[in-house]
C-alpha atoms as a PDB file:
ATOM      1  CA  MET A   1     100.196 121.744  55.466  1.00  0.00           C
ATOM      2  CA  GLY A   2     103.767 120.488  55.488  1.00  0.00           C
ATOM      3  CA  GLN A   3     103.701 120.178  51.686  1.00  0.00           C
ATOM      4  CA  LEU A   4     102.747 123.812  51.079  1.00  0.00           C
ATOM      5  CA  PRO A   5     105.394 126.523  50.569  1.00  0.00           C
ATOM      6  CA  ASN A   6     106.180 129.239  53.120  1.00  0.00           C
ATOM      7  CA  ASN A   7     104.235 132.521  52.833  1.00  0.00           C
ATOM      8  CA  SER A   8     101.731 131.078  50.346  1.00  0.00           C
ATOM      9  CA  ILE A   9      98.389 131.647  52.122  1.00  0.00           C
ATOM     10  CA  ASP A  10      96.592 134.974  52.584  1.00  0.00           C
ATOM     11  CA  LEU A  11      94.321 134.071  55.477  1.00  0.00           C
ATOM     12  CA  VAL A  12      93.459 131.142  57.745  1.00  0.00           C
ATOM     13  CA  VAL A  13      90.105 130.868  59.545  1.00  0.00           C
ATOM     14  CA  THR A  14      89.808 127.729  61.626  1.00  0.00           C
ATOM     15  CA  SER A  15      87.910 126.110  64.475  1.00  0.00           C
ATOM     16  CA  PRO A  16      89.446 122.811  65.603  1.00  0.00           C
ATOM     17  CA  PRO A  17      87.840 119.887  67.410  1.00  0.00           C
ATOM     18  CA  TYR A  18      87.694 120.899  71.099  1.00  0.00           C
ATOM     19  CA  ASN A  19      88.742 117.579  72.648  1.00  0.00           C
ATOM     20  CA  LEU A  20      85.360 117.545  74.384  1.00  0.00           C
ATOM     21  CA  LYS A  21      85.479 113.954  75.488  1.00  0.00           C
ATOM     22  CA  ASN A  22      88.599 114.646  77.538  1.00  0.00           C
ATOM     23  CA  SER A  23      86.864 116.758  80.151  1.00  0.00           C
ATOM     24  CA  THR A  24      86.749 116.664  83.917  1.00  0.00           C
ATOM     25  CA  GLY A  25      83.450 118.528  83.809  1.00  0.00           C
ATOM     26  CA  ASN A  26      80.112 117.180  82.753  1.00  0.00           C
ATOM     27  CA  GLY A  27      81.024 117.081  79.048  1.00  0.00           C
ATOM     28  CA  MET A  28      79.939 114.794  76.276  1.00  0.00           C
ATOM     29  CA  SER A  29      80.495 111.085  76.752  1.00  0.00           C
ATOM     30  CA  ALA A  30      79.686 107.963  74.754  1.00  0.00           C
ATOM     31  CA  ASN A  31      76.907 107.072  77.186  1.00  0.00           C
ATOM     32  CA  THR A  32      75.017 110.389  77.249  1.00  0.00           C
ATOM     33  CA  LYS A  33      71.366 109.277  77.175  1.00  0.00           C
ATOM     34  CA  SER A  34      69.531 112.604  77.464  1.00  0.00           C
ATOM     35  CA  GLY A  35      69.873 116.256  76.507  1.00  0.00           C
ATOM     36  CA  LYS A  36      71.288 117.823  73.343  1.00  0.00           C
ATOM     37  CA  TRP A  37      74.084 115.281  72.950  1.00  0.00           C
ATOM     38  CA  ALA A  38      71.859 112.196  73.235  1.00  0.00           C
ATOM     39  CA  GLY A  39      72.316 110.046  70.152  1.00  0.00           C
ATOM     40  CA  ASN A  40      74.764 112.494  68.569  1.00  0.00           C
ATOM     41  CA  PRO A  41      77.279 110.680  66.314  1.00  0.00           C
ATOM     42  CA  LEU A  42      80.131 112.716  67.840  1.00  0.00           C
ATOM     43  CA  GLN A  43      79.676 110.762  71.050  1.00  0.00           C
ATOM     44  CA  ASN A  44      81.809 108.141  69.323  1.00  0.00           C
ATOM     45  CA  GLY A  45      84.363 110.700  68.056  1.00  0.00           C
ATOM     46  CA  TYR A  46      85.175 111.778  64.522  1.00  0.00           C
ATOM     47  CA  SER A  47      86.038 109.283  61.800  1.00  0.00           C
ATOM     48  CA  HIS A  48      89.760 110.140  62.073  1.00  0.00           C
ATOM     49  CA  TYR A  49      90.009 111.677  65.563  1.00  0.00           C
ATOM     50  CA  SER A  50      88.568 110.498  68.881  1.00  0.00           C
ATOM     51  CA  ASP A  51      88.203 113.973  70.500  1.00  0.00           C
ATOM     52  CA  ASN A  52      89.590 112.338  73.642  1.00  0.00           C
ATOM     53  CA  ILE A  53      93.362 112.671  73.785  1.00  0.00           C
ATOM     54  CA  PRO A  54      95.409 113.692  76.837  1.00  0.00           C
ATOM     55  CA  ALA A  55      95.226 117.441  77.418  1.00  0.00           C
ATOM     56  CA  ASP A  56      98.974 118.057  77.026  1.00  0.00           C
ATOM     57  CA  GLU A  57      99.070 116.097  73.749  1.00  0.00           C
ATOM     58  CA  TYR A  58      96.055 118.005  72.458  1.00  0.00           C
ATOM     59  CA  ALA A  59      97.676 121.365  73.313  1.00  0.00           C
ATOM     60  CA  ASP A  60     100.937 120.309  71.612  1.00  0.00           C
ATOM     61  CA  TRP A  61      99.033 119.165  68.530  1.00  0.00           C
ATOM     62  CA  GLN A  62      97.083 122.429  68.260  1.00  0.00           C
ATOM     63  CA  TYR A  63     100.220 124.522  68.842  1.00  0.00           C
ATOM     64  CA  LYS A  64     102.085 122.625  66.101  1.00  0.00           C
ATOM     65  CA  CYS A  65      99.134 123.179  63.734  1.00  0.00           C
ATOM     66  CA  LEU A  66      99.154 126.923  64.493  1.00  0.00           C
ATOM     67  CA  LYS A  67     102.923 127.146  63.978  1.00  0.00           C
ATOM     68  CA  GLU A  68     102.509 125.502  60.547  1.00  0.00           C
ATOM     69  CA  MET A  69      99.680 127.899  59.685  1.00  0.00           C
ATOM     70  CA  TYR A  70     101.863 130.834  60.749  1.00  0.00           C
ATOM     71  CA  ARG A  71     104.676 129.582  58.490  1.00  0.00           C
ATOM     72  CA  LEU A  72     102.204 129.431  55.603  1.00  0.00           C
ATOM     73  CA  ILE A  73     100.617 132.879  55.869  1.00  0.00           C
ATOM     74  CA  LYS A  74     102.117 135.786  53.958  1.00  0.00           C
ATOM     75  CA  ASP A  75     103.778 138.758  55.708  1.00  0.00           C
ATOM     76  CA  ASP A  76     100.440 140.617  55.556  1.00  0.00           C
ATOM     77  CA  GLY A  77      98.346 137.535  56.410  1.00  0.00           C
ATOM     78  CA  ALA A  78      96.655 136.386  59.591  1.00  0.00           C
ATOM     79  CA  ILE A  79      95.127 133.424  61.375  1.00  0.00           C
ATOM     80  CA  PHE A  80      91.697 133.706  62.979  1.00  0.00           C
ATOM     81  CA  TYR A  81      91.693 130.806  65.452  1.00  0.00           C
ATOM     82  CA  ASN A  82      88.384 130.057  67.162  1.00  0.00           C
ATOM     83  CA  HIS A  83      88.669 128.005  70.327  1.00  0.00           C
ATOM     84  CA  LYS A  84      86.297 127.583  73.218  1.00  0.00           C
ATOM     85  CA  TRP A  85      87.461 128.426  76.703  1.00  0.00           C
ATOM     86  CA  ARG A  86      86.292 125.695  79.019  1.00  0.00           C
ATOM     87  CA  VAL A  87      86.381 124.754  82.649  1.00  0.00           C
ATOM     88  CA  GLN A  88      88.700 121.920  83.569  1.00  0.00           C
ATOM     89  CA  ASP A  89      89.201 120.733  87.143  1.00  0.00           C
ATOM     90  CA  GLY A  90      87.027 123.656  88.292  1.00  0.00           C
ATOM     91  CA  LEU A  91      89.217 126.335  86.630  1.00  0.00           C
ATOM     92  CA  ILE A  92      88.849 128.138  83.319  1.00  0.00           C
ATOM     93  CA  GLN A  93      91.267 127.310  80.519  1.00  0.00           C
ATOM     94  CA  ASP A  94      92.006 130.359  78.413  1.00  0.00           C
ATOM     95  CA  ARG A  95      94.079 128.255  75.964  1.00  0.00           C
ATOM     96  CA  LYS A  96      97.464 129.761  76.815  1.00  0.00           C
ATOM     97  CA  ASP A  97      98.530 126.113  76.736  1.00  0.00           C
ATOM     98  CA  ILE A  98      97.892 126.214  72.982  1.00  0.00           C
ATOM     99  CA  ILE A  99      98.687 129.806  71.951  1.00  0.00           C
ATOM    100  CA  ARG A 100     102.020 129.957  73.861  1.00  0.00           C
ATOM    101  CA  ASP A 101     104.459 132.313  72.110  1.00  0.00           C
ATOM    102  CA  LEU A 102     102.320 133.143  69.074  1.00  0.00           C
ATOM    103  CA  PRO A 103     101.702 136.885  68.502  1.00  0.00           C
ATOM    104  CA  VAL A 104      98.058 137.296  69.486  1.00  0.00           C
ATOM    105  CA  ARG A 105      97.100 140.831  68.507  1.00  0.00           C
ATOM    106  CA  GLN A 106      93.501 140.752  69.650  1.00  0.00           C
ATOM    107  CA  ILE A 107      90.805 138.520  71.050  1.00  0.00           C
ATOM    108  CA  ILE A 108      87.442 138.747  69.300  1.00  0.00           C
ATOM    109  CA  ILE A 109      84.312 137.567  71.067  1.00  0.00           C
ATOM    110  CA  TRP A 110      81.991 135.443  68.956  1.00  0.00           C
ATOM    111  CA  ARG A 111      78.567 135.929  70.548  1.00  0.00           C
ATOM    112  CA  ARG A 112      76.722 132.823  69.520  1.00  0.00           C
ATOM    113  CA  LYS A 113      73.236 131.543  70.102  1.00  0.00           C
ATOM    114  CA  GLY A 114      72.673 129.363  73.128  1.00  0.00           C
ATOM    115  CA  GLY A 115      75.006 126.631  74.108  1.00  0.00           C
ATOM    116  CA  ILE A 116      75.123 123.491  76.124  1.00  0.00           C
ATOM    117  CA  ASN A 117      75.394 123.611  79.875  1.00  0.00           C
ATOM    118  CA  PHE A 118      76.016 120.259  81.555  1.00  0.00           C
ATOM    119  CA  ASN A 119      76.911 121.766  84.929  1.00  0.00           C
ATOM    120  CA  PRO A 120      74.490 123.570  87.278  1.00  0.00           C
ATOM    121  CA  GLY A 121      77.450 125.466  88.806  1.00  0.00           C
ATOM    122  CA  TYR A 122      78.061 127.598  85.721  1.00  0.00           C
ATOM    123  CA  PHE A 123      76.118 130.073  83.580  1.00  0.00           C
ATOM    124  CA  LEU A 124      75.083 129.015  80.069  1.00  0.00           C
ATOM    125  CA  PRO A 125      78.001 129.628  77.662  1.00  0.00           C
ATOM    126  CA  THR A 126      76.976 132.105  74.944  1.00  0.00           C
ATOM    127  CA  TYR A 127      80.340 133.090  73.489  1.00  0.00           C
ATOM    128  CA  GLU A 128      83.600 131.722  72.197  1.00  0.00           C
ATOM    129  CA  VAL A 129      86.854 133.502  71.480  1.00  0.00           C
ATOM    130  CA  ILE A 130      88.654 134.051  68.218  1.00  0.00           C
ATOM    131  CA  TYR A 131      92.366 134.753  68.492  1.00  0.00           C
ATOM    132  CA  LEU A 132      93.712 137.117  65.848  1.00  0.00           C
ATOM    133  CA  ILE A 133      97.252 135.904  65.163  1.00  0.00           C
ATOM    134  CA  PRO A 134      98.716 138.138  62.434  1.00  0.00           C
ATOM    135  CA  LYS A 135     102.005 138.521  60.617  1.00  0.00           C
ATOM    136  CA  PRO A 136     103.638 141.968  61.135  1.00  0.00           C
ATOM    137  CA  LYS A 137     102.209 143.663  58.022  1.00  0.00           C
ATOM    138  CA  PHE A 138      98.600 142.491  58.519  1.00  0.00           C
ATOM    139  CA  LYS A 139      95.948 145.198  58.305  1.00  0.00           C
ATOM    140  CA  LEU A 140      92.173 144.938  58.262  1.00  0.00           C
ATOM    141  CA  ALA A 141      90.259 145.700  55.107  1.00  0.00           C
ATOM    142  CA  GLN A 142      89.423 149.377  54.622  1.00  0.00           C
ATOM    143  CA  LYS A 143      86.888 150.615  57.203  1.00  0.00           C
ATOM    144  CA  ALA A 144      86.746 147.218  58.968  1.00  0.00           C
ATOM    145  CA  ASN A 145      88.304 148.823  62.064  1.00  0.00           C
ATOM    146  CA  ALA A 146      84.984 150.621  62.565  1.00  0.00           C
ATOM    147  CA  PHE A 147      83.463 147.302  63.686  1.00  0.00           C
ATOM    148  CA  GLY A 148      83.636 146.171  67.301  1.00  0.00           C
ATOM    149  CA  ASP A 149      85.447 143.137  68.665  1.00  0.00           C
ATOM    150  CA  VAL A 150      82.247 141.408  69.770  1.00  0.00           C
END
């Protein structure tokens, strides 16, 4: 992204790795032997990313990526940033650690099919959030504002 010029992109839609292996809950680990993650290649991480970095480093990395994306989008552009809220140390993370000072205009709920629930203390997750992070002149396509935010 650093090689691209300012204000050169119309729209960014992204969903990053979630740093799942750095979890204090019952998340994915390299030794998961049963369930949906059993035998999944991601148990060993991605080819270029382990999905297990310290939480503060992960948040800094994601924030820096978003700041670069924001630099790249045009004055009428936007970023749609999908990131899962998760429970860490028994408390929900709403990703303010990543979003910080970025101008979130709206949160869109992505109602998805099923999910994975490793912990009997929580309901099955069936949604993720999409942060709409626009530049000041961003507008939806004609009639798109008739659609809901779920």
